[in-house]
Amino acid sequence: MDKTGWTFDPSFSAMVFPERTTNFARGQGFRNNNQVLQRFVANNQHQKALEYFGFDGTYRPKKGAGAEEYEVTDYYGSTNPETGNISYGDLAFDSYDILYNIYVKELYTQRSARNGTVAIDADFASDPNTMNLRYYPEEALGFRYAFKRNGLFYKSPLNNFKQANSYWIRVYGTDLINKRWWHFIYTIPRRW
C-alpha cells in the first residue's frame, strides 16, 4: 500500500493463492480447484472438467465390461490394460483431490500399458473364477505410485497405502508396502 491506496500485485497473489489466481485468469473466477470442479459437475460437464485440469481420459458414468470382465456403475477410475485409455466414474468427481488422486493412480497403469509392461499375473488367466485377479498386481503398483505422491492430493480420503496392500495380498499373500517411520514425508502437502 502506498499513498494512492491498495494496489494489485499479481505476482504476490500468485504466490499466495496460485490455484485461485490461475482459475481467475482462466475465466473461472477467484475459486479454488475444488470449487471449479463442483461447478463443472453441477452443470454435468465432467469431460470439460477433465480437459480444464489437463487430466487425460474420458468420463464414463458406467464402466463397461472390458479388461475387468464386468460392468459397474459406481467406480472411481479405470485404465484399459491393453490400450491405456483412462476412464473416470462419478465417484472420482466428489472432490478435486479425489480426482487428482485417481488421475495419478491411473496414469501409472496407462504408462505401463503404453510401454507394454503391465504387471499381469498369468497364473490366474486360465481359471474363470480367478481371472480378474490377474490385474491385481498392476492395481497394487498403481496405488503404491499414488501413495508416494499423497502430498499432491493430501485431502483425498482414499487410502492408497491400504489399497496397494489389499490388492497385492490377494494375489501373493503378503504386503507390497511395509509401513516405515519416514513415510510421513509422502503426506506433506506440496504442489509438484
Protein backbone atom coordinates (compact mmCIF):
# COMPACT_ATOMS: atom_id res chain seq x y z
CA MET A 1 0.00 0.00 0.00
CA ASP A 2 1.26 3.45 -0.85
CA LYS A 3 -0.20 6.99 -0.85
CA THR A 4 -2.60 6.13 -3.66
CA GLY A 5 -4.16 3.17 -1.81
CA TRP A 6 -4.14 -0.57 -2.32
CA THR A 7 -2.52 -1.92 -5.44
CA PHE A 8 -2.93 -5.32 -7.02
CA ASP A 9 0.31 -7.23 -7.40
CA PRO A 10 -0.45 -10.33 -9.49
CA SER A 11 2.89 -11.97 -8.72
CA PHE A 12 2.22 -11.76 -4.98
CA SER A 13 -1.29 -13.17 -5.30
CA ALA A 14 0.04 -15.98 -7.50
CA MET A 15 2.39 -16.96 -4.67
CA VAL A 16 -0.32 -16.82 -2.01
CA PHE A 17 -3.24 -18.30 -3.98
CA PRO A 18 -1.76 -19.99 -7.06
CA GLU A 19 -4.75 -22.15 -7.98
CA ARG A 20 -7.25 -19.36 -7.35
CA THR A 21 -5.22 -16.95 -9.44
CA THR A 22 -4.85 -19.47 -12.24
CA ASN A 23 -8.58 -20.20 -12.21
CA PHE A 24 -9.33 -16.48 -12.20
CA ALA A 25 -7.08 -15.93 -15.20
CA ARG A 26 -8.79 -18.83 -16.99
CA GLY A 27 -12.25 -17.34 -16.50
CA GLN A 28 -13.48 -19.44 -13.58
CA GLY A 29 -13.48 -16.68 -11.00
CA PHE A 30 -11.30 -16.49 -7.91
CA ARG A 31 -12.12 -20.07 -6.89
CA ASN A 32 -10.03 -22.99 -5.74
CA ASN A 33 -9.81 -26.14 -7.85
CA ASN A 34 -12.46 -27.96 -5.85
CA GLN A 35 -14.96 -25.13 -6.35
CA VAL A 36 -14.24 -25.05 -10.07
CA LEU A 37 -14.68 -28.83 -10.30
CA GLN A 38 -18.00 -28.68 -8.45
CA ARG A 39 -19.25 -26.04 -10.90
CA PHE A 40 -18.42 -28.33 -13.82
CA VAL A 41 -20.13 -31.27 -12.10
CA ALA A 42 -23.23 -29.22 -11.25
CA ASN A 43 -23.56 -28.41 -14.95
CA ASN A 44 -22.96 -32.06 -15.90
CA GLN A 45 -19.72 -31.12 -17.69
CA HIS A 46 -17.48 -33.86 -16.34
CA GLN A 47 -15.47 -34.21 -19.54
CA LYS A 48 -14.88 -30.46 -19.69
CA ALA A 49 -13.56 -30.63 -16.12
CA LEU A 50 -11.03 -33.27 -17.16
CA GLU A 51 -9.94 -31.12 -20.09
CA TYR A 52 -9.79 -27.97 -17.97
CA PHE A 53 -7.47 -29.57 -15.40
CA GLY A 54 -5.42 -31.37 -18.06
CA PHE A 55 -6.29 -34.90 -16.95
CA ASP A 56 -6.05 -37.46 -19.72
CA GLY A 57 -9.06 -39.72 -20.04
CA THR A 58 -12.78 -39.89 -20.62
CA TYR A 59 -15.74 -39.51 -18.31
CA ARG A 60 -17.84 -42.67 -18.40
CA PRO A 61 -20.57 -42.94 -15.76
CA LYS A 62 -20.78 -46.68 -16.43
CA LYS A 63 -17.66 -48.73 -16.83
CA GLY A 64 -18.48 -51.30 -19.45
CA ALA A 65 -17.25 -54.86 -19.37
CA GLY A 66 -13.74 -54.88 -20.67
CA ALA A 67 -10.45 -55.89 -19.19
CA GLU A 68 -12.06 -56.28 -15.78
CA GLU A 69 -14.67 -58.65 -17.24
CA TYR A 70 -17.68 -56.99 -15.63
CA GLU A 71 -19.71 -53.80 -15.77
CA VAL A 72 -20.10 -51.44 -12.82
CA THR A 73 -21.83 -48.12 -12.30
CA ASP A 74 -20.08 -46.83 -9.16
CA TYR A 75 -16.35 -46.56 -9.66
CA TYR A 76 -13.54 -44.03 -9.37
CA GLY A 77 -11.43 -44.76 -12.39
CA SER A 78 -10.18 -47.47 -14.66
CA THR A 79 -7.47 -47.92 -17.25
CA ASN A 80 -7.71 -50.43 -20.04
CA PRO A 81 -4.52 -52.51 -19.63
CA GLU A 82 -4.29 -53.12 -23.36
CA THR A 83 -4.87 -49.62 -24.77
CA GLY A 84 -4.01 -47.42 -21.79
CA ASN A 85 -7.26 -45.47 -22.13
CA ILE A 86 -8.35 -43.98 -18.80
CA SER A 87 -11.99 -43.63 -17.82
CA TYR A 88 -13.39 -41.83 -14.79
CA GLY A 89 -16.59 -42.64 -12.96
CA ASP A 90 -18.84 -40.41 -10.89
CA LEU A 91 -17.04 -41.21 -7.63
CA ALA A 92 -13.87 -39.53 -8.91
CA PHE A 93 -15.68 -36.20 -9.15
CA ASP A 94 -16.57 -35.94 -5.46
CA SER A 95 -13.65 -33.56 -4.94
CA TYR A 96 -10.63 -32.23 -6.79
CA ASP A 97 -8.26 -34.16 -4.53
CA ILE A 98 -10.03 -37.44 -5.26
CA LEU A 99 -9.99 -36.72 -9.00
CA TYR A 100 -6.29 -35.86 -8.89
CA ASN A 101 -5.57 -38.98 -6.82
CA ILE A 102 -7.37 -41.19 -9.34
CA TYR A 103 -5.62 -39.47 -12.23
CA VAL A 104 -2.17 -40.12 -10.73
CA LYS A 105 -3.01 -43.74 -9.93
CA GLU A 106 -4.48 -44.46 -13.37
CA LEU A 107 -1.64 -42.60 -15.08
CA TYR A 108 0.73 -45.26 -13.74
CA THR A 109 -1.27 -48.03 -15.40
CA GLN A 110 -1.62 -46.01 -18.59
CA ARG A 111 2.15 -45.64 -18.85
CA SER A 112 2.61 -49.35 -18.18
CA ALA A 113 0.05 -50.26 -20.83
CA ARG A 114 1.57 -48.00 -23.44
CA ASN A 115 5.06 -49.30 -22.66
CA GLY A 116 3.84 -52.91 -22.73
CA THR A 117 4.90 -53.50 -19.12
CA VAL A 118 1.56 -54.07 -17.37
CA ALA A 119 2.10 -56.34 -14.36
CA ILE A 120 -0.25 -59.24 -15.09
CA ASP A 121 -0.13 -62.49 -13.17
CA ALA A 122 -0.68 -65.12 -15.87
CA ASP A 123 -1.36 -67.85 -13.29
CA PHE A 124 -4.88 -66.50 -12.89
CA ALA A 125 -5.71 -66.07 -16.58
CA SER A 126 -6.88 -69.62 -17.24
CA ASP A 127 -9.34 -70.06 -14.34
CA PRO A 128 -12.61 -68.15 -14.90
CA ASN A 129 -13.16 -67.92 -11.13
CA THR A 130 -9.90 -66.07 -10.53
CA MET A 131 -9.42 -64.46 -13.93
CA ASN A 132 -9.95 -60.96 -12.53
CA LEU A 133 -7.03 -61.39 -10.10
CA ARG A 134 -4.52 -61.23 -12.94
CA TYR A 135 -4.75 -57.41 -12.93
CA TYR A 136 -4.38 -57.02 -9.17
CA PRO A 137 -0.57 -56.68 -9.22
CA GLU A 138 -0.86 -53.72 -11.61
CA GLU A 139 -3.57 -52.16 -9.43
CA ALA A 140 -1.36 -52.55 -6.37
CA LEU A 141 1.61 -50.94 -8.11
CA GLY A 142 -0.59 -48.05 -9.26
CA PHE A 143 -1.77 -47.43 -5.71
CA ARG A 144 1.82 -47.57 -4.45
CA TYR A 145 2.75 -44.97 -7.05
CA ALA A 146 -0.10 -42.74 -5.84
CA PHE A 147 0.84 -43.37 -2.18
CA LYS A 148 4.28 -41.90 -2.80
CA ARG A 149 2.59 -38.77 -4.19
CA ASN A 150 -0.06 -38.30 -1.46
CA GLY A 151 1.18 -34.78 -0.76
CA LEU A 152 -0.21 -33.66 -4.12
CA PHE A 153 -3.75 -34.55 -3.05
CA TYR A 154 -3.44 -34.70 0.73
CA LYS A 155 -7.15 -34.04 1.28
CA SER A 156 -8.17 -37.15 -0.65
CA PRO A 157 -9.86 -39.68 1.64
CA LEU A 158 -8.60 -42.59 -0.47
CA ASN A 159 -6.03 -44.68 1.37
CA ASN A 160 -3.50 -45.58 -1.32
CA PHE A 161 -1.27 -47.44 1.14
CA LYS A 162 -4.10 -49.71 2.23
CA GLN A 163 -5.36 -50.20 -1.33
CA ALA A 164 -1.90 -51.20 -2.59
CA ASN A 165 -1.54 -53.84 0.10
CA SER A 166 -5.13 -55.02 -0.31
CA TYR A 167 -4.67 -55.83 -4.00
CA TRP A 168 -1.20 -57.32 -3.53
CA ILE A 169 -2.08 -59.58 -0.61
CA ARG A 170 -4.98 -61.18 -2.51
CA VAL A 171 -2.54 -62.48 -5.09
CA TYR A 172 0.72 -63.03 -3.21
CA GLY A 173 -0.34 -63.36 0.43
CA THR A 174 1.97 -60.62 1.67
CA ASP A 175 2.03 -56.82 1.82
CA LEU A 176 3.51 -54.80 -1.01
CA ILE A 177 4.48 -51.89 1.25
CA ASN A 178 5.57 -52.13 4.85
CA LYS A 179 4.95 -49.04 6.97
CA ARG A 180 8.15 -47.14 7.69
CA TRP A 181 8.63 -44.25 10.09
CA TRP A 182 9.70 -41.92 7.28
CA HIS A 183 6.58 -42.48 5.16
CA PHE A 184 5.12 -39.30 6.65
CA ILE A 185 7.16 -37.43 4.05
CA TYR A 186 4.76 -38.63 1.33
CA THR A 187 1.84 -36.87 3.03
CA ILE A 188 3.42 -33.42 3.30
CA PRO A 189 1.28 -31.04 1.20
CA ARG A 190 3.08 -29.97 -1.96
CA ARG A 191 2.36 -28.58 -5.41
CA TRP A 192 4.67 -30.77 -7.51
